[in-house]
Full PDB file with SEQRES, HELIX, SHEET, SSBOND, CRYST1, ORIGX, SCALE, CONECT and MASTER records, all heavy atoms in Angstrom:
SEQRES   1 A   42  GLU THR THR GLU LEU GLY ASP ALA VAL ALA ALA ALA GLU          
SEQRES   2 A   42  ARG ALA ILE ARG GLU HIS THR THR PHE GLN THR VAL ALA          
SEQRES   3 A   42  SER THR PRO PRO ALA LEU LEU ARG PRO PRO VAL LEU VAL          
SEQRES   4 A   42  GLY ARG THR                                                  
HELIX    1 AA1 THR A    2  GLU A   18  1                                  17    
HELIX    2 AA2 PRO A   30  LEU A   33  1                                   4    
CRYST1    1.000    1.000    1.000  90.00  90.00  90.00 P 1           1          
ORIGX1      1.000000  0.000000  0.000000        0.00000                         
ORIGX2      0.000000  1.000000  0.000000        0.00000                         
ORIGX3      0.000000  0.000000  1.000000        0.00000                         
SCALE1      1.000000  0.000000  0.000000        0.00000                         
SCALE2      0.000000  1.000000  0.000000        0.00000                         
SCALE3      0.000000  0.000000  1.000000        0.00000                         
ATOM      1  N   GLU A   1     -14.950 -12.583   4.500  1.00  0.00           N  
ATOM      2  CA  GLU A   1     -13.930 -12.584   3.462  1.00  0.00           C  
ATOM      3  C   GLU A   1     -13.776 -11.197   2.827  1.00  0.00           C  
ATOM      4  O   GLU A   1     -12.664 -10.764   2.523  1.00  0.00           O  
ATOM      5  CB  GLU A   1     -14.272 -13.612   2.377  1.00  0.00           C  
ATOM      6  CG  GLU A   1     -14.275 -15.047   2.855  1.00  0.00           C  
ATOM      7  CD  GLU A   1     -15.602 -15.462   3.464  1.00  0.00           C  
ATOM      8  OE1 GLU A   1     -16.471 -14.586   3.683  1.00  0.00           O  
ATOM      9  OE2 GLU A   1     -15.769 -16.661   3.691  1.00  0.00           O  
ATOM     10  N   THR A   2     -14.917 -10.515   2.642  1.00  0.00           N  
ATOM     11  CA  THR A   2     -14.868  -9.164   2.074  1.00  0.00           C  
ATOM     12  C   THR A   2     -14.247  -8.193   3.067  1.00  0.00           C  
ATOM     13  O   THR A   2     -13.442  -7.326   2.691  1.00  0.00           O  
ATOM     14  CB  THR A   2     -16.281  -8.697   1.704  1.00  0.00           C  
ATOM     15  OG1 THR A   2     -16.941  -9.711   0.945  1.00  0.00           O  
ATOM     16  CG2 THR A   2     -16.240  -7.412   0.897  1.00  0.00           C  
ATOM     17  N   THR A   3     -14.597  -8.345   4.343  1.00  0.00           N  
ATOM     18  CA  THR A   3     -14.047  -7.480   5.382  1.00  0.00           C  
ATOM     19  C   THR A   3     -12.538  -7.638   5.489  1.00  0.00           C  
ATOM     20  O   THR A   3     -11.812  -6.661   5.695  1.00  0.00           O  
ATOM     21  CB  THR A   3     -14.710  -7.791   6.727  1.00  0.00           C  
ATOM     22  OG1 THR A   3     -16.129  -7.622   6.616  1.00  0.00           O  
ATOM     23  CG2 THR A   3     -14.193  -6.861   7.817  1.00  0.00           C  
ATOM     24  N   GLU A   4     -12.058  -8.881   5.327  1.00  0.00           N  
ATOM     25  CA  GLU A   4     -10.611  -9.110   5.375  1.00  0.00           C  
ATOM     26  C   GLU A   4      -9.903  -8.352   4.252  1.00  0.00           C  
ATOM     27  O   GLU A   4      -8.822  -7.794   4.447  1.00  0.00           O  
ATOM     28  CB  GLU A   4     -10.320 -10.606   5.256  1.00  0.00           C  
ATOM     29  CG  GLU A   4     -10.655 -11.400   6.511  1.00  0.00           C  
ATOM     30  CD  GLU A   4     -10.352 -12.874   6.341  1.00  0.00           C  
ATOM     31  OE1 GLU A   4      -9.775 -13.242   5.288  1.00  0.00           O  
ATOM     32  OE2 GLU A   4     -10.693 -13.652   7.241  1.00  0.00           O  
ATOM     33  N   LEU A   5     -10.522  -8.333   3.057  1.00  0.00           N  
ATOM     34  CA  LEU A   5      -9.943  -7.578   1.955  1.00  0.00           C  
ATOM     35  C   LEU A   5      -9.937  -6.084   2.276  1.00  0.00           C  
ATOM     36  O   LEU A   5      -8.974  -5.372   1.968  1.00  0.00           O  
ATOM     37  CB  LEU A   5     -10.722  -7.848   0.666  1.00  0.00           C  
ATOM     38  CG  LEU A   5     -10.490  -9.210   0.016  1.00  0.00           C  
ATOM     39  CD1 LEU A   5     -11.520  -9.451  -1.085  1.00  0.00           C  
ATOM     40  CD2 LEU A   5      -9.080  -9.298  -0.549  1.00  0.00           C  
ATOM     41  N   GLY A   6     -11.032  -5.601   2.865  1.00  0.00           N  
ATOM     42  CA  GLY A   6     -11.074  -4.205   3.267  1.00  0.00           C  
ATOM     43  C   GLY A   6      -9.992  -3.866   4.272  1.00  0.00           C  
ATOM     44  O   GLY A   6      -9.363  -2.804   4.214  1.00  0.00           O  
ATOM     45  N   ASP A   7      -9.740  -4.808   5.217  1.00  0.00           N  
ATOM     46  CA  ASP A   7      -8.669  -4.597   6.195  1.00  0.00           C  
ATOM     47  C   ASP A   7      -7.302  -4.560   5.511  1.00  0.00           C  
ATOM     48  O   ASP A   7      -6.413  -3.801   5.901  1.00  0.00           O  
ATOM     49  CB  ASP A   7      -8.698  -5.716   7.241  1.00  0.00           C  
ATOM     50  CG  ASP A   7      -9.930  -5.648   8.138  1.00  0.00           C  
ATOM     51  OD1 ASP A   7     -10.571  -4.578   8.180  1.00  0.00           O  
ATOM     52  OD2 ASP A   7     -10.253  -6.676   8.772  1.00  0.00           O  
ATOM     53  N   ALA A   8      -7.131  -5.399   4.470  1.00  0.00           N  
ATOM     54  CA  ALA A   8      -5.866  -5.417   3.738  1.00  0.00           C  
ATOM     55  C   ALA A   8      -5.636  -4.096   3.016  1.00  0.00           C  
ATOM     56  O   ALA A   8      -4.515  -3.570   2.978  1.00  0.00           O  
ATOM     57  CB  ALA A   8      -5.851  -6.576   2.735  1.00  0.00           C  
ATOM     58  N   VAL A   9      -6.704  -3.545   2.437  1.00  0.00           N  
ATOM     59  CA  VAL A   9      -6.597  -2.238   1.777  1.00  0.00           C  
ATOM     60  C   VAL A   9      -6.199  -1.173   2.792  1.00  0.00           C  
ATOM     61  O   VAL A   9      -5.306  -0.352   2.545  1.00  0.00           O  
ATOM     62  CB  VAL A   9      -7.928  -1.864   1.098  1.00  0.00           C  
ATOM     63  CG1 VAL A   9      -7.845  -0.441   0.535  1.00  0.00           C  
ATOM     64  CG2 VAL A   9      -8.265  -2.845  -0.019  1.00  0.00           C  
ATOM     65  N   ALA A  10      -6.861  -1.203   3.962  1.00  0.00           N  
ATOM     66  CA  ALA A  10      -6.555  -0.220   4.997  1.00  0.00           C  
ATOM     67  C   ALA A  10      -5.108  -0.354   5.474  1.00  0.00           C  
ATOM     68  O   ALA A  10      -4.428   0.645   5.712  1.00  0.00           O  
ATOM     69  CB  ALA A  10      -7.521  -0.399   6.171  1.00  0.00           C  
ATOM     70  N   ALA A  11      -4.631  -1.607   5.607  1.00  0.00           N  
ATOM     71  CA  ALA A  11      -3.255  -1.812   6.046  1.00  0.00           C  
ATOM     72  C   ALA A  11      -2.262  -1.267   5.022  1.00  0.00           C  
ATOM     73  O   ALA A  11      -1.246  -0.661   5.373  1.00  0.00           O  
ATOM     74  CB  ALA A  11      -3.004  -3.302   6.282  1.00  0.00           C  
ATOM     75  N   ALA A  12      -2.564  -1.478   3.741  1.00  0.00           N  
ATOM     76  CA  ALA A  12      -1.683  -0.966   2.699  1.00  0.00           C  
ATOM     77  C   ALA A  12      -1.668   0.557   2.694  1.00  0.00           C  
ATOM     78  O   ALA A  12      -0.614   1.190   2.552  1.00  0.00           O  
ATOM     79  CB  ALA A  12      -2.130  -1.497   1.340  1.00  0.00           C  
ATOM     80  N   GLU A  13      -2.848   1.148   2.848  1.00  0.00           N  
ATOM     81  CA  GLU A  13      -2.920   2.618   2.897  1.00  0.00           C  
ATOM     82  C   GLU A  13      -2.139   3.154   4.092  1.00  0.00           C  
ATOM     83  O   GLU A  13      -1.440   4.171   3.993  1.00  0.00           O  
ATOM     84  CB  GLU A  13      -4.390   3.052   2.976  1.00  0.00           C  
ATOM     85  CG  GLU A  13      -5.185   2.749   1.717  1.00  0.00           C  
ATOM     86  CD  GLU A  13      -6.680   2.947   1.905  1.00  0.00           C  
ATOM     87  OE1 GLU A  13      -7.161   2.833   3.063  1.00  0.00           O  
ATOM     88  OE2 GLU A  13      -7.374   3.188   0.910  1.00  0.00           O  
ATOM     89  N   ARG A  14      -2.253   2.464   5.212  1.00  0.00           N  
ATOM     90  CA  ARG A  14      -1.539   2.897   6.413  1.00  0.00           C  
ATOM     91  C   ARG A  14      -0.027   2.770   6.224  1.00  0.00           C  
ATOM     92  O   ARG A  14       0.742   3.634   6.645  1.00  0.00           O  
ATOM     93  CB  ARG A  14      -2.006   2.052   7.598  1.00  0.00           C  
ATOM     94  CG  ARG A  14      -1.458   2.520   8.948  1.00  0.00           C  
ATOM     95  CD  ARG A  14      -2.218   1.876  10.105  1.00  0.00           C  
ATOM     96  NE  ARG A  14      -2.192   0.409  10.045  1.00  0.00           N  
ATOM     97  CZ  ARG A  14      -3.249  -0.343   9.707  1.00  0.00           C  
ATOM     98  NH1 ARG A  14      -4.404   0.227   9.405  1.00  0.00           N  
ATOM     99  NH2 ARG A  14      -3.163  -1.655   9.674  1.00  0.00           N  
ATOM    100  N   ALA A  15       0.381   1.704   5.550  1.00  0.00           N  
ATOM    101  CA  ALA A  15       1.812   1.504   5.316  1.00  0.00           C  
ATOM    102  C   ALA A  15       2.400   2.621   4.468  1.00  0.00           C  
ATOM    103  O   ALA A  15       3.516   3.088   4.718  1.00  0.00           O  
ATOM    104  CB  ALA A  15       2.038   0.154   4.631  1.00  0.00           C  
ATOM    105  N   ILE A  16       1.641   3.045   3.464  1.00  0.00           N  
ATOM    106  CA  ILE A  16       2.121   4.131   2.609  1.00  0.00           C  
ATOM    107  C   ILE A  16       2.198   5.436   3.396  1.00  0.00           C  
ATOM    108  O   ILE A  16       3.166   6.186   3.293  1.00  0.00           O  
ATOM    109  CB  ILE A  16       1.202   4.279   1.381  1.00  0.00           C  
ATOM    110  CG1 ILE A  16       1.372   3.061   0.468  1.00  0.00           C  
ATOM    111  CG2 ILE A  16       1.509   5.560   0.623  1.00  0.00           C  
ATOM    112  CD1 ILE A  16       0.437   3.060  -0.708  1.00  0.00           C  
ATOM    113  N   ARG A  17       1.149   5.682   4.197  1.00  0.00           N  
ATOM    114  CA  ARG A  17       1.152   6.922   4.988  1.00  0.00           C  
ATOM    115  C   ARG A  17       2.328   6.969   5.948  1.00  0.00           C  
ATOM    116  O   ARG A  17       2.944   8.001   6.175  1.00  0.00           O  
ATOM    117  CB  ARG A  17      -0.161   7.052   5.760  1.00  0.00           C  
ATOM    118  CG  ARG A  17      -1.359   7.420   4.907  1.00  0.00           C  
ATOM    119  CD  ARG A  17      -2.506   7.896   5.788  1.00  0.00           C  
ATOM    120  NE  ARG A  17      -2.900   6.886   6.761  1.00  0.00           N  
ATOM    121  CZ  ARG A  17      -3.837   5.955   6.533  1.00  0.00           C  
ATOM    122  NH1 ARG A  17      -4.440   5.902   5.358  1.00  0.00           N  
ATOM    123  NH2 ARG A  17      -4.145   5.088   7.466  1.00  0.00           N  
ATOM    124  N   GLU A  18       2.653   5.837   6.540  1.00  0.00           N  
ATOM    125  CA  GLU A  18       3.684   5.798   7.570  1.00  0.00           C  
ATOM    126  C   GLU A  18       5.063   5.486   6.995  1.00  0.00           C  
ATOM    127  O   GLU A  18       6.047   5.415   7.727  1.00  0.00           O  
ATOM    128  CB  GLU A  18       3.313   4.744   8.619  1.00  0.00           C  
ATOM    129  CG  GLU A  18       2.009   5.068   9.353  1.00  0.00           C  
ATOM    130  CD  GLU A  18       1.564   3.933  10.261  1.00  0.00           C  
ATOM    131  OE1 GLU A  18       2.245   2.890  10.276  1.00  0.00           O  
ATOM    132  OE2 GLU A  18       0.546   4.095  10.959  1.00  0.00           O  
ATOM    133  N   HIS A  19       5.127   5.268   5.653  1.00  0.00           N  
ATOM    134  CA  HIS A  19       6.405   4.953   5.000  1.00  0.00           C  
ATOM    135  C   HIS A  19       7.075   3.742   5.632  1.00  0.00           C  
ATOM    136  O   HIS A  19       8.280   3.736   5.882  1.00  0.00           O  
ATOM    137  CB  HIS A  19       7.366   6.140   5.049  1.00  0.00           C  
ATOM    138  CG  HIS A  19       6.803   7.379   4.432  1.00  0.00           C  
ATOM    139  ND1 HIS A  19       6.248   7.400   3.171  1.00  0.00           N  
ATOM    140  CD2 HIS A  19       6.682   8.654   4.910  1.00  0.00           C  
ATOM    141  CE1 HIS A  19       5.830   8.619   2.892  1.00  0.00           C  
ATOM    142  NE2 HIS A  19       6.069   9.394   3.919  1.00  0.00           N  
ATOM    143  N   THR A  20       6.280   2.715   5.902  1.00  0.00           N  
ATOM    144  CA  THR A  20       6.844   1.508   6.488  1.00  0.00           C  
ATOM    145  C   THR A  20       6.760   0.369   5.493  1.00  0.00           C  
ATOM    146  O   THR A  20       5.959   0.384   4.575  1.00  0.00           O  
ATOM    147  CB  THR A  20       6.076   1.099   7.755  1.00  0.00           C  
ATOM    148  OG1 THR A  20       4.702   0.893   7.417  1.00  0.00           O  
ATOM    149  CG2 THR A  20       6.191   2.156   8.815  1.00  0.00           C  
ATOM    150  N   THR A  21       7.595  -0.656   5.710  1.00  0.00           N  
ATOM    151  CA  THR A  21       7.558  -1.829   4.852  1.00  0.00           C  
ATOM    152  C   THR A  21       6.271  -2.591   5.110  1.00  0.00           C  
ATOM    153  O   THR A  21       5.864  -2.794   6.242  1.00  0.00           O  
ATOM    154  CB  THR A  21       8.767  -2.738   5.142  1.00  0.00           C  
ATOM    155  OG1 THR A  21       9.941  -1.972   4.921  1.00  0.00           O  
ATOM    156  CG2 THR A  21       8.754  -3.949   4.228  1.00  0.00           C  
ATOM    157  N   PHE A  22       5.652  -3.062   4.063  1.00  0.00           N  
ATOM    158  CA  PHE A  22       4.338  -3.706   4.155  1.00  0.00           C  
ATOM    159  C   PHE A  22       4.490  -5.177   3.813  1.00  0.00           C  
ATOM    160  O   PHE A  22       4.969  -5.518   2.745  1.00  0.00           O  
ATOM    161  CB  PHE A  22       3.379  -3.015   3.177  1.00  0.00           C  
ATOM    162  CG  PHE A  22       2.001  -3.594   3.160  1.00  0.00           C  
ATOM    163  CD1 PHE A  22       1.196  -3.489   4.265  1.00  0.00           C  
ATOM    164  CD2 PHE A  22       1.533  -4.250   2.035  1.00  0.00           C  
ATOM    165  CE1 PHE A  22      -0.069  -4.017   4.241  1.00  0.00           C  
ATOM    166  CE2 PHE A  22       0.268  -4.775   2.007  1.00  0.00           C  
ATOM    167  CZ  PHE A  22      -0.547  -4.665   3.117  1.00  0.00           C  
ATOM    168  N   GLN A  23       4.121  -6.077   4.722  1.00  0.00           N  
ATOM    169  CA  GLN A  23       4.368  -7.484   4.513  1.00  0.00           C  
ATOM    170  C   GLN A  23       3.108  -8.344   4.559  1.00  0.00           C  
ATOM    171  O   GLN A  23       3.159  -9.512   4.202  1.00  0.00           O  
ATOM    172  CB  GLN A  23       5.317  -8.010   5.611  1.00  0.00           C  
ATOM    173  CG  GLN A  23       6.678  -7.324   5.630  1.00  0.00           C  
ATOM    174  CD  GLN A  23       7.528  -7.678   4.437  1.00  0.00           C  
ATOM    175  OE1 GLN A  23       7.219  -8.605   3.702  1.00  0.00           O  
ATOM    176  NE2 GLN A  23       8.595  -6.925   4.215  1.00  0.00           N  
ATOM    177  N   THR A  24       1.969  -7.828   4.966  1.00  0.00           N  
ATOM    178  CA  THR A  24       0.836  -8.711   5.254  1.00  0.00           C  
ATOM    179  C   THR A  24       0.082  -9.158   4.023  1.00  0.00           C  
ATOM    180  O   THR A  24      -0.485 -10.236   4.018  1.00  0.00           O  
ATOM    181  CB  THR A  24      -0.153  -8.010   6.216  1.00  0.00           C  
ATOM    182  OG1 THR A  24      -0.575  -6.786   5.600  1.00  0.00           O  
ATOM    183  CG2 THR A  24       0.505  -7.706   7.539  1.00  0.00           C  
ATOM    184  N   VAL A  25       0.035  -8.368   2.972  1.00  0.00           N  
ATOM    185  CA  VAL A  25      -0.711  -8.755   1.769  1.00  0.00           C  
ATOM    186  C   VAL A  25       0.221  -9.310   0.711  1.00  0.00           C  
ATOM    187  O   VAL A  25      -0.078 -10.277   0.034  1.00  0.00           O  
ATOM    188  CB  VAL A  25      -1.482  -7.542   1.202  1.00  0.00           C  
ATOM    189  CG1 VAL A  25      -2.127  -7.900  -0.122  1.00  0.00           C  
ATOM    190  CG2 VAL A  25      -2.554  -7.117   2.195  1.00  0.00           C  
ATOM    191  N   ALA A  26       1.385  -8.726   0.538  1.00  0.00           N  
ATOM    192  CA  ALA A  26       2.338  -9.184  -0.470  1.00  0.00           C  
ATOM    193  C   ALA A  26       3.732  -8.839   0.007  1.00  0.00           C  
ATOM    194  O   ALA A  26       3.921  -7.996   0.878  1.00  0.00           O  
ATOM    195  CB  ALA A  26       2.050  -8.511  -1.820  1.00  0.00           C  
ATOM    196  N   SER A  27       4.730  -9.513  -0.557  1.00  0.00           N  
ATOM    197  CA  SER A  27       6.099  -9.264  -0.130  1.00  0.00           C  
ATOM    198  C   SER A  27       6.599  -7.904  -0.599  1.00  0.00           C  
ATOM    199  O   SER A  27       7.512  -7.347  -0.018  1.00  0.00           O  
ATOM    200  CB  SER A  27       7.015 -10.367  -0.664  1.00  0.00           C  
ATOM    201  OG  SER A  27       6.945 -10.407  -2.082  1.00  0.00           O  
ATOM    202  N   THR A  28       6.004  -7.379  -1.661  1.00  0.00           N  
ATOM    203  CA  THR A  28       6.400  -6.079  -2.178  1.00  0.00           C  
ATOM    204  C   THR A  28       5.451  -5.005  -1.667  1.00  0.00           C  
ATOM    205  O   THR A  28       4.238  -5.157  -1.789  1.00  0.00           O  
ATOM    206  CB  THR A  28       6.386  -6.059  -3.715  1.00  0.00           C  
ATOM    207  OG1 THR A  28       7.251  -7.091  -4.187  1.00  0.00           O  
ATOM    208  CG2 THR A  28       6.853  -4.722  -4.245  1.00  0.00           C  
ATOM    209  N   PRO A  29       5.964  -3.913  -1.112  1.00  0.00           N  
ATOM    210  CA  PRO A  29       5.067  -2.853  -0.630  1.00  0.00           C  
ATOM    211  C   PRO A  29       4.205  -2.296  -1.757  1.00  0.00           C  
ATOM    212  O   PRO A  29       4.695  -2.117  -2.883  1.00  0.00           O  
ATOM    213  CB  PRO A  29       6.038  -1.779  -0.112  1.00  0.00           C  
ATOM    214  CG  PRO A  29       7.319  -2.505   0.134  1.00  0.00           C  
ATOM    215  CD  PRO A  29       7.370  -3.610  -0.878  1.00  0.00           C  
ATOM    216  N   PRO A  30       2.928  -2.031  -1.501  1.00  0.00           N  
ATOM    217  CA  PRO A  30       2.074  -1.438  -2.538  1.00  0.00           C  
ATOM    218  C   PRO A  30       2.631  -0.147  -3.108  1.00  0.00           C  
ATOM    219  O   PRO A  30       2.413   0.160  -4.266  1.00  0.00           O  
ATOM    220  CB  PRO A  30       0.749  -1.194  -1.787  1.00  0.00           C  
ATOM    221  CG  PRO A  30       0.741  -2.216  -0.707  1.00  0.00           C  
ATOM    222  CD  PRO A  30       2.176  -2.353  -0.274  1.00  0.00           C  
ATOM    223  N   ALA A  31       3.395   0.596  -2.294  1.00  0.00           N  
ATOM    224  CA  ALA A  31       3.985   1.840  -2.791  1.00  0.00           C  
ATOM    225  C   ALA A  31       4.965   1.577  -3.924  1.00  0.00           C  
ATOM    226  O   ALA A  31       5.152   2.411  -4.804  1.00  0.00           O  
ATOM    227  CB  ALA A  31       4.686   2.579  -1.652  1.00  0.00           C  
ATOM    228  N   LEU A  32       5.615   0.400  -3.909  1.00  0.00           N  
ATOM    229  CA  LEU A  32       6.509   0.043  -5.003  1.00  0.00           C  
ATOM    230  C   LEU A  32       5.739  -0.523  -6.191  1.00  0.00           C  
ATOM    231  O   LEU A  32       6.156  -0.390  -7.336  1.00  0.00           O  
ATOM    232  CB  LEU A  32       7.546  -0.979  -4.540  1.00  0.00           C  
ATOM    233  CG  LEU A  32       8.759  -0.439  -3.789  1.00  0.00           C  
ATOM    234  CD1 LEU A  32       9.678  -1.578  -3.385  1.00  0.00           C  
ATOM    235  CD2 LEU A  32       9.520   0.564  -4.630  1.00  0.00           C  
ATOM    236  N   LEU A  33       4.609  -1.187  -5.907  1.00  0.00           N  
ATOM    237  CA  LEU A  33       3.793  -1.714  -6.992  1.00  0.00           C  
ATOM    238  C   LEU A  33       3.181  -0.589  -7.805  1.00  0.00           C  
ATOM    239  O   LEU A  33       3.112  -0.654  -9.034  1.00  0.00           O  
ATOM    240  CB  LEU A  33       2.685  -2.609  -6.436  1.00  0.00           C  
ATOM    241  CG  LEU A  33       3.148  -3.915  -5.783  1.00  0.00           C  
ATOM    242  CD1 LEU A  33       1.966  -4.604  -5.128  1.00  0.00           C  
ATOM    243  CD2 LEU A  33       3.788  -4.825  -6.821  1.00  0.00           C  
ATOM    244  N   ARG A  34       2.711   0.428  -7.113  1.00  0.00           N  
ATOM    245  CA  ARG A  34       2.116   1.587  -7.787  1.00  0.00           C  
ATOM    246  C   ARG A  34       2.386   2.815  -6.940  1.00  0.00           C  
ATOM    247  O   ARG A  34       1.646   3.089  -5.987  1.00  0.00           O  
ATOM    248  CB  ARG A  34       0.606   1.387  -7.973  1.00  0.00           C  
ATOM    249  CG  ARG A  34      -0.072   2.530  -8.731  1.00  0.00           C  
ATOM    250  CD  ARG A  34      -1.564   2.260  -8.906  1.00  0.00           C  
ATOM    251  NE  ARG A  34      -2.250   3.385  -9.509  1.00  0.00           N  
ATOM    252  CZ  ARG A  34      -2.348   3.621 -10.800  1.00  0.00           C  
ATOM    253  NH1 ARG A  34      -1.783   2.800 -11.641  1.00  0.00           N  
ATOM    254  NH2 ARG A  34      -3.006   4.659 -11.265  1.00  0.00           N  
ATOM    255  N   PRO A  35       3.443   3.560  -7.235  1.00  0.00           N  
ATOM    256  CA  PRO A  35       3.758   4.737  -6.424  1.00  0.00           C  
ATOM    257  C   PRO A  35       2.570   5.670  -6.310  1.00  0.00           C  
ATOM    258  O   PRO A  35       1.874   5.929  -7.298  1.00  0.00           O  
ATOM    259  CB  PRO A  35       4.909   5.394  -7.207  1.00  0.00           C  
ATOM    260  CG  PRO A  35       5.532   4.268  -7.961  1.00  0.00           C  
ATOM    261  CD  PRO A  35       4.397   3.357  -8.326  1.00  0.00           C  
ATOM    262  N   PRO A  36       2.317   6.172  -5.100  1.00  0.00           N  
ATOM    263  CA  PRO A  36       1.138   7.016  -4.893  1.00  0.00           C  
ATOM    264  C   PRO A  36       1.234   8.386  -5.551  1.00  0.00           C  
ATOM    265  O   PRO A  36       0.232   9.068  -5.704  1.00  0.00           O  
ATOM    266  CB  PRO A  36       1.063   7.150  -3.365  1.00  0.00           C  
ATOM    267  CG  PRO A  36       2.476   6.935  -2.907  1.00  0.00           C  
ATOM    268  CD  PRO A  36       3.073   5.939  -3.854  1.00  0.00           C  
ATOM    269  N   VAL A  37       2.431   8.785  -5.931  1.00  0.00           N  
ATOM    270  CA  VAL A  37       2.630  10.119  -6.519  1.00  0.00           C  
ATOM    271  C   VAL A  37       3.243   9.963  -7.911  1.00  0.00           C  
ATOM    272  O   VAL A  37       4.179   9.197  -8.105  1.00  0.00           O  
ATOM    273  CB  VAL A  37       3.547  10.987  -5.629  1.00  0.00           C  
ATOM    274  CG1 VAL A  37       3.807  12.332  -6.281  1.00  0.00           C  
ATOM    275  CG2 VAL A  37       2.928  11.174  -4.254  1.00  0.00           C  
ATOM    276  N   LEU A  38       2.696  10.691  -8.872  1.00  0.00           N  
ATOM    277  CA  LEU A  38       3.253  10.704 -10.224  1.00  0.00           C  
ATOM    278  C   LEU A  38       4.270  11.843 -10.289  1.00  0.00           C  
ATOM    279  O   LEU A  38       3.902  13.015 -10.274  1.00  0.00           O  
ATOM    280  CB  LEU A  38       2.129  10.924 -11.234  1.00  0.00           C  
ATOM    281  CG  LEU A  38       2.412  10.588 -12.697  1.00  0.00           C  
ATOM    282  CD1 LEU A  38       2.671   9.098 -12.851  1.00  0.00           C  
ATOM    283  CD2 LEU A  38       1.235  10.993 -13.565  1.00  0.00           C  
ATOM    284  N   VAL A  39       5.545  11.488 -10.346  1.00  0.00           N  
ATOM    285  CA  VAL A  39       6.590  12.511 -10.241  1.00  0.00           C  
ATOM    286  C   VAL A  39       7.147  12.850 -11.619  1.00  0.00           C  
ATOM    287  O   VAL A  39       7.103  12.056 -12.550  1.00  0.00           O  
ATOM    288  CB  VAL A  39       7.739  12.036  -9.323  1.00  0.00           C  
ATOM    289  CG1 VAL A  39       7.246  11.767  -7.932  1.00  0.00           C  
ATOM    290  CG2 VAL A  39       8.406  10.787  -9.905  1.00  0.00           C  
ATOM    291  N   GLY A  40       7.681  14.061 -11.718  1.00  0.00           N  
ATOM    292  CA  GLY A  40       8.373  14.475 -12.931  1.00  0.00           C  
ATOM    293  C   GLY A  40       7.472  14.675 -14.137  1.00  0.00           C  
ATOM    294  O   GLY A  40       7.970  14.783 -15.259  1.00  0.00           O  
ATOM    295  N   ARG A  41       6.173  14.755 -13.955  1.00  0.00           N  
ATOM    296  CA  ARG A  41       5.255  14.856 -15.090  1.00  0.00           C  
ATOM    297  C   ARG A  41       4.302  16.042 -14.967  1.00  0.00           C  
ATOM    298  O   ARG A  41       3.279  16.086 -15.637  1.00  0.00           O  
ATOM    299  CB  ARG A  41       4.420  13.571 -15.206  1.00  0.00           C  
ATOM    300  CG  ARG A  41       5.224  12.281 -15.366  1.00  0.00           C  
ATOM    301  CD  ARG A  41       6.131  12.341 -16.571  1.00  0.00           C  
ATOM    302  NE  ARG A  41       6.762  11.077 -16.892  1.00  0.00           N  
ATOM    303  CZ  ARG A  41       7.921  10.960 -17.511  1.00  0.00           C  
ATOM    304  NH1 ARG A  41       8.595  12.052 -17.861  1.00  0.00           N  
ATOM    305  NH2 ARG A  41       8.433   9.766 -17.788  1.00  0.00           N  
ATOM    306  N   THR A  42       4.658  17.018 -14.145  1.00  0.00           N  
ATOM    307  CA  THR A  42       3.773  18.170 -13.948  1.00  0.00           C  
ATOM    308  C   THR A  42       3.531  18.923 -15.247  1.00  0.00           C  
ATOM    309  O   THR A  42       2.391  19.264 -15.590  1.00  0.00           O  
ATOM    310  CB  THR A  42       4.380  19.126 -12.902  1.00  0.00           C  
ATOM    311  OG1 THR A  42       4.613  18.409 -11.691  1.00  0.00           O  
ATOM    312  CG2 THR A  42       3.433  20.282 -12.627  1.00  0.00           C  
TER     313      THR A  42                                                      
MASTER        0    0    0    2    0    0    0    6  312    1    0    4          
END                                                                             
């Protein structure tokens, strides 16, 4: 069960890297849930 969660984290990270839609953990891509980059705040 813990390994499955680790795989889900890896899949989400891969989805963000590849800029692809992510469907396996949630209907909303993790990049939309929490954008990986904080923009406009330098």
